[in-house]
Amino acid sequence: MYATDYREEALKHVIESLDAELFERVTGLTVADFRTLNNLGLFNAQHMNHAIYQFKRFESA
């Protein structure tokens, strides 16, 4: 499900492209909290970027 017409290509796009209030409502985290957790290595950005890329390829097929 997409909240906007924009199609993210990387984790950083997910963080930067969404409305901060919507992001918090959906995840329970503020964008700042998510960035902090990502910087601490809680999320494997490379793995998440790959998953986003694979989904985008599946969607395009």
PDB file of N, CA and C in Angstrom:
ATOM      1  N   MET A   1       0.842  -1.175   0.000  1.00  0.00           N
ATOM      2  CA  MET A   1       0.000   0.000   0.000  1.00  0.00           C
ATOM      3  C   MET A   1       0.886   1.237   0.000  1.00  0.00           C
ATOM      4  N   TYR A   2       0.510   2.183  -0.820  1.00  0.00           N
ATOM      5  CA  TYR A   2       1.239   3.438  -0.890  1.00  0.00           C
ATOM      6  C   TYR A   2       0.388   4.551  -0.305  1.00  0.00           C
ATOM      7  N   ALA A   3       1.034   5.442   0.395  1.00  0.00           N
ATOM      8  CA  ALA A   3       0.333   6.591   0.954  1.00  0.00           C
ATOM      9  C   ALA A   3       0.319   7.758  -0.035  1.00  0.00           C
ATOM     10  N   THR A   4       1.250   7.724  -0.986  1.00  0.00           N
ATOM     11  CA  THR A   4       1.342   8.777  -1.988  1.00  0.00           C
ATOM     12  C   THR A   4       1.544   8.134  -3.358  1.00  0.00           C
ATOM     13  N   ASP A   5       1.593   8.946  -4.410  1.00  0.00           N
ATOM     14  CA  ASP A   5       1.868   8.446  -5.752  1.00  0.00           C
ATOM     15  C   ASP A   5       3.356   8.219  -5.977  1.00  0.00           C
ATOM     16  N   TYR A   6       4.193   8.728  -5.080  1.00  0.00           N
ATOM     17  CA  TYR A   6       5.639   8.594  -5.198  1.00  0.00           C
ATOM     18  C   TYR A   6       6.048   7.157  -4.902  1.00  0.00           C
ATOM     19  N   ARG A   7       6.943   6.593  -5.711  1.00  0.00           N
ATOM     20  CA  ARG A   7       7.432   5.236  -5.494  1.00  0.00           C
ATOM     21  C   ARG A   7       8.864   5.300  -4.987  1.00  0.00           C
ATOM     22  N   GLU A   8       9.051   4.917  -3.747  1.00  0.00           N
ATOM     23  CA  GLU A   8      10.359   4.978  -3.121  1.00  0.00           C
ATOM     24  C   GLU A   8      11.295   3.950  -3.755  1.00  0.00           C
ATOM     25  N   GLU A   9      12.582   4.277  -3.778  1.00  0.00           N
ATOM     26  CA  GLU A   9      13.580   3.374  -4.326  1.00  0.00           C
ATOM     27  C   GLU A   9      14.602   2.942  -3.288  1.00  0.00           C
ATOM     28  N   ALA A  10      14.603   3.574  -2.122  1.00  0.00           N
ATOM     29  CA  ALA A  10      15.563   3.242  -1.072  1.00  0.00           C
ATOM     30  C   ALA A  10      14.975   3.633   0.281  1.00  0.00           C
ATOM     31  N   LEU A  11      15.540   3.069   1.321  1.00  0.00           N
ATOM     32  CA  LEU A  11      15.069   3.351   2.681  1.00  0.00           C
ATOM     33  C   LEU A  11      15.059   4.848   2.954  1.00  0.00           C
ATOM     34  N   LYS A  12      16.082   5.551   2.498  1.00  0.00           N
ATOM     35  CA  LYS A  12      16.148   6.999   2.748  1.00  0.00           C
ATOM     36  C   LYS A  12      14.969   7.709   2.092  1.00  0.00           C
ATOM     37  N   HIS A  13      14.494   7.211   0.957  1.00  0.00           N
ATOM     38  CA  HIS A  13      13.336   7.819   0.311  1.00  0.00           C
ATOM     39  C   HIS A  13      12.067   7.590   1.135  1.00  0.00           C
ATOM     40  N   VAL A  14      11.968   6.420   1.736  1.00  0.00           N
ATOM     41  CA  VAL A  14      10.809   6.132   2.584  1.00  0.00           C
ATOM     42  C   VAL A  14      10.765   7.130   3.736  1.00  0.00           C
ATOM     43  N   ILE A  15      11.900   7.360   4.343  1.00  0.00           N
ATOM     44  CA  ILE A  15      11.978   8.270   5.484  1.00  0.00           C
ATOM     45  C   ILE A  15      11.717   9.709   5.061  1.00  0.00           C
ATOM     46  N   GLU A  16      12.303  10.129   3.954  1.00  0.00           N
ATOM     47  CA  GLU A  16      12.245  11.528   3.557  1.00  0.00           C
ATOM     48  C   GLU A  16      10.991  11.907   2.783  1.00  0.00           C
ATOM     49  N   SER A  17      10.307  10.937   2.174  1.00  0.00           N
ATOM     50  CA  SER A  17       9.207  11.296   1.284  1.00  0.00           C
ATOM     51  C   SER A  17       7.848  11.334   1.960  1.00  0.00           C
ATOM     52  N   LEU A  18       7.710  10.687   3.084  1.00  0.00           N
ATOM     53  CA  LEU A  18       6.409  10.635   3.731  1.00  0.00           C
ATOM     54  C   LEU A  18       6.170  11.830   4.637  1.00  0.00           C
ATOM     55  N   ASP A  19       4.944  12.192   4.765  1.00  0.00           N
ATOM     56  CA  ASP A  19       4.522  13.209   5.713  1.00  0.00           C
ATOM     57  C   ASP A  19       4.886  12.712   7.115  1.00  0.00           C
ATOM     58  N   ALA A  20       5.535  13.540   7.901  1.00  0.00           N
ATOM     59  CA  ALA A  20       6.014  13.140   9.222  1.00  0.00           C
ATOM     60  C   ALA A  20       4.889  12.634  10.117  1.00  0.00           C
ATOM     61  N   GLU A  21       3.730  13.291  10.069  1.00  0.00           N
ATOM     62  CA  GLU A  21       2.603  12.859  10.904  1.00  0.00           C
ATOM     63  C   GLU A  21       2.071  11.502  10.452  1.00  0.00           C
ATOM     64  N   LEU A  22       2.006  11.300   9.152  1.00  0.00           N
ATOM     65  CA  LEU A  22       1.556  10.009   8.623  1.00  0.00           C
ATOM     66  C   LEU A  22       2.545   8.913   8.994  1.00  0.00           C
ATOM     67  N   PHE A  23       3.827   9.193   8.858  1.00  0.00           N
ATOM     68  CA  PHE A  23       4.858   8.226   9.223  1.00  0.00           C
ATOM     69  C   PHE A  23       4.714   7.806  10.681  1.00  0.00           C
ATOM     70  N   GLU A  24       4.500   8.772  11.557  1.00  0.00           N
ATOM     71  CA  GLU A  24       4.358   8.472  12.982  1.00  0.00           C
ATOM     72  C   GLU A  24       3.077   7.684  13.255  1.00  0.00           C
ATOM     73  N   ARG A  25       2.005   8.038  12.593  1.00  0.00           N
ATOM     74  CA  ARG A  25       0.744   7.327  12.784  1.00  0.00           C
ATOM     75  C   ARG A  25       0.860   5.863  12.341  1.00  0.00           C
ATOM     76  N   VAL A  26       1.561   5.632  11.236  1.00  0.00           N
ATOM     77  CA  VAL A  26       1.680   4.286  10.686  1.00  0.00           C
ATOM     78  C   VAL A  26       2.682   3.437  11.455  1.00  0.00           C
ATOM     79  N   THR A  27       3.814   4.029  11.844  1.00  0.00           N
ATOM     80  CA  THR A  27       4.881   3.245  12.474  1.00  0.00           C
ATOM     81  C   THR A  27       4.929   3.357  13.997  1.00  0.00           C
ATOM     82  N   GLY A  28       4.356   4.421  14.537  1.00  0.00           N
ATOM     83  CA  GLY A  28       4.472   4.655  15.974  1.00  0.00           C
ATOM     84  C   GLY A  28       5.787   5.332  16.341  1.00  0.00           C
ATOM     85  N   LEU A  29       6.577   5.687  15.334  1.00  0.00           N
ATOM     86  CA  LEU A  29       7.861   6.350  15.546  1.00  0.00           C
ATOM     87  C   LEU A  29       7.850   7.705  14.873  1.00  0.00           C
ATOM     88  N   THR A  30       8.547   8.652  15.463  1.00  0.00           N
ATOM     89  CA  THR A  30       8.747   9.909  14.749  1.00  0.00           C
ATOM     90  C   THR A  30       9.823   9.664  13.695  1.00  0.00           C
ATOM     91  N   VAL A  31       9.884  10.538  12.703  1.00  0.00           N
ATOM     92  CA  VAL A  31      10.923  10.411  11.675  1.00  0.00           C
ATOM     93  C   VAL A  31      12.293  10.520  12.335  1.00  0.00           C
ATOM     94  N   ALA A  32      12.435  11.419  13.303  1.00  0.00           N
ATOM     95  CA  ALA A  32      13.712  11.580  14.015  1.00  0.00           C
ATOM     96  C   ALA A  32      14.084  10.304  14.755  1.00  0.00           C
ATOM     97  N   ASP A  33      13.114   9.670  15.421  1.00  0.00           N
ATOM     98  CA  ASP A  33      13.378   8.407  16.115  1.00  0.00           C
ATOM     99  C   ASP A  33      13.819   7.329  15.131  1.00  0.00           C
ATOM    100  N   PHE A  34      13.133   7.252  13.984  1.00  0.00           N
ATOM    101  CA  PHE A  34      13.482   6.248  12.983  1.00  0.00           C
ATOM    102  C   PHE A  34      14.894   6.475  12.458  1.00  0.00           C
ATOM    103  N   ARG A  35      15.235   7.735  12.191  1.00  0.00           N
ATOM    104  CA  ARG A  35      16.596   8.041  11.721  1.00  0.00           C
ATOM    105  C   ARG A  35      17.627   7.628  12.766  1.00  0.00           C
ATOM    106  N   THR A  36      17.344   7.919  14.031  1.00  0.00           N
ATOM    107  CA  THR A  36      18.266   7.557  15.105  1.00  0.00           C
ATOM    108  C   THR A  36      18.446   6.044  15.169  1.00  0.00           C
ATOM    109  N   LEU A  37      17.335   5.310  15.147  1.00  0.00           N
ATOM    110  CA  LEU A  37      17.420   3.849  15.188  1.00  0.00           C
ATOM    111  C   LEU A  37      18.155   3.302  13.970  1.00  0.00           C
ATOM    112  N   ASN A  38      17.931   3.901  12.816  1.00  0.00           N
ATOM    113  CA  ASN A  38      18.629   3.479  11.607  1.00  0.00           C
ATOM    114  C   ASN A  38      20.126   3.762  11.727  1.00  0.00           C
ATOM    115  N   ASN A  39      20.482   4.936  12.257  1.00  0.00           N
ATOM    116  CA  ASN A  39      21.898   5.281  12.441  1.00  0.00           C
ATOM    117  C   ASN A  39      22.585   4.369  13.442  1.00  0.00           C
ATOM    118  N   LEU A  40      21.826   3.845  14.396  1.00  0.00           N
ATOM    119  CA  LEU A  40      22.386   2.920  15.381  1.00  0.00           C
ATOM    120  C   LEU A  40      22.529   1.506  14.826  1.00  0.00           C
ATOM    121  N   GLY A  41      22.035   1.295  13.617  1.00  0.00           N
ATOM    122  CA  GLY A  41      22.179  -0.005  12.971  1.00  0.00           C
ATOM    123  C   GLY A  41      21.046  -0.970  13.248  1.00  0.00           C
ATOM    124  N   LEU A  42      19.938  -0.489  13.797  1.00  0.00           N
ATOM    125  CA  LEU A  42      18.814  -1.370  14.088  1.00  0.00           C
ATOM    126  C   LEU A  42      18.206  -1.935  12.808  1.00  0.00           C
ATOM    127  N   PHE A  43      18.214  -1.133  11.759  1.00  0.00           N
ATOM    128  CA  PHE A  43      17.686  -1.569  10.469  1.00  0.00           C
ATOM    129  C   PHE A  43      18.854  -1.824   9.526  1.00  0.00           C
ATOM    130  N   ASN A  44      18.772  -2.900   8.782  1.00  0.00           N
ATOM    131  CA  ASN A  44      19.780  -3.189   7.771  1.00  0.00           C
ATOM    132  C   ASN A  44      19.355  -2.474   6.499  1.00  0.00           C
ATOM    133  N   ALA A  45      19.890  -1.276   6.279  1.00  0.00           N
ATOM    134  CA  ALA A  45      19.474  -0.441   5.158  1.00  0.00           C
ATOM    135  C   ALA A  45      19.705  -1.143   3.822  1.00  0.00           C
ATOM    136  N   GLN A  46      20.803  -1.844   3.681  1.00  0.00           N
ATOM    137  CA  GLN A  46      21.080  -2.533   2.426  1.00  0.00           C
ATOM    138  C   GLN A  46      20.024  -3.596   2.148  1.00  0.00           C
ATOM    139  N   HIS A  47      19.656  -4.351   3.155  1.00  0.00           N
ATOM    140  CA  HIS A  47      18.623  -5.374   2.996  1.00  0.00           C
ATOM    141  C   HIS A  47      17.266  -4.737   2.682  1.00  0.00           C
ATOM    142  N   MET A  48      16.941  -3.671   3.383  1.00  0.00           N
ATOM    143  CA  MET A  48      15.665  -2.985   3.145  1.00  0.00           C
ATOM    144  C   MET A  48      15.636  -2.349   1.751  1.00  0.00           C
ATOM    145  N   ASN A  49      16.755  -1.778   1.305  1.00  0.00           N
ATOM    146  CA  ASN A  49      16.821  -1.209  -0.039  1.00  0.00           C
ATOM    147  C   ASN A  49      16.595  -2.293  -1.092  1.00  0.00           C
ATOM    148  N   HIS A  50      17.182  -3.459  -0.854  1.00  0.00           N
ATOM    149  CA  HIS A  50      16.997  -4.577  -1.784  1.00  0.00           C
ATOM    150  C   HIS A  50      15.525  -5.005  -1.822  1.00  0.00           C
ATOM    151  N   ALA A  51      14.890  -5.074  -0.676  1.00  0.00           N
ATOM    152  CA  ALA A  51      13.476  -5.457  -0.614  1.00  0.00           C
ATOM    153  C   ALA A  51      12.606  -4.431  -1.351  1.00  0.00           C
ATOM    154  N   ILE A  52      12.909  -3.153  -1.192  1.00  0.00           N
ATOM    155  CA  ILE A  52      12.168  -2.101  -1.887  1.00  0.00           C
ATOM    156  C   ILE A  52      12.365  -2.250  -3.393  1.00  0.00           C
ATOM    157  N   TYR A  53      13.612  -2.512  -3.826  1.00  0.00           N
ATOM    158  CA  TYR A  53      13.907  -2.696  -5.246  1.00  0.00           C
ATOM    159  C   TYR A  53      13.158  -3.911  -5.801  1.00  0.00           C
ATOM    160  N   GLN A  54      13.169  -5.012  -5.063  1.00  0.00           N
ATOM    161  CA  GLN A  54      12.483  -6.227  -5.520  1.00  0.00           C
ATOM    162  C   GLN A  54      10.979  -5.989  -5.632  1.00  0.00           C
ATOM    163  N   PHE A  55      10.402  -5.290  -4.680  1.00  0.00           N
ATOM    164  CA  PHE A  55       8.970  -4.995  -4.739  1.00  0.00           C
ATOM    165  C   PHE A  55       8.658  -4.126  -5.941  1.00  0.00           C
ATOM    166  N   LYS A  56       9.509  -3.143  -6.195  1.00  0.00           N
ATOM    167  CA  LYS A  56       9.303  -2.250  -7.331  1.00  0.00           C
ATOM    168  C   LYS A  56       9.363  -3.045  -8.637  1.00  0.00           C
ATOM    169  N   ARG A  57      10.302  -3.979  -8.748  1.00  0.00           N
ATOM    170  CA  ARG A  57      10.397  -4.827  -9.944  1.00  0.00           C
ATOM    171  C   ARG A  57       9.165  -5.691 -10.096  1.00  0.00           C
ATOM    172  N   PHE A  58       8.701  -6.262  -8.994  1.00  0.00           N
ATOM    173  CA  PHE A  58       7.483  -7.107  -9.017  1.00  0.00           C
ATOM    174  C   PHE A  58       6.278  -6.286  -9.453  1.00  0.00           C
ATOM    175  N   GLU A  59       6.174  -5.087  -8.913  1.00  0.00           N
ATOM    176  CA  GLU A  59       5.053  -4.215  -9.234  1.00  0.00           C
ATOM    177  C   GLU A  59       5.060  -3.814 -10.717  1.00  0.00           C
ATOM    178  N   SER A  60       6.235  -3.609 -11.278  1.00  0.00           N
ATOM    179  CA  SER A  60       6.367  -3.187 -12.665  1.00  0.00           C
ATOM    180  C   SER A  60       6.069  -4.320 -13.654  1.00  0.00           C
ATOM    181  N   ALA A  61       6.244  -5.559 -13.211  1.00  0.00           N
ATOM    182  CA  ALA A  61       6.065  -6.715 -14.110  1.00  0.00           C
ATOM    183  C   ALA A  61       4.618  -6.954 -14.490  1.00  0.00           C
TER     184      ALA A  61
END
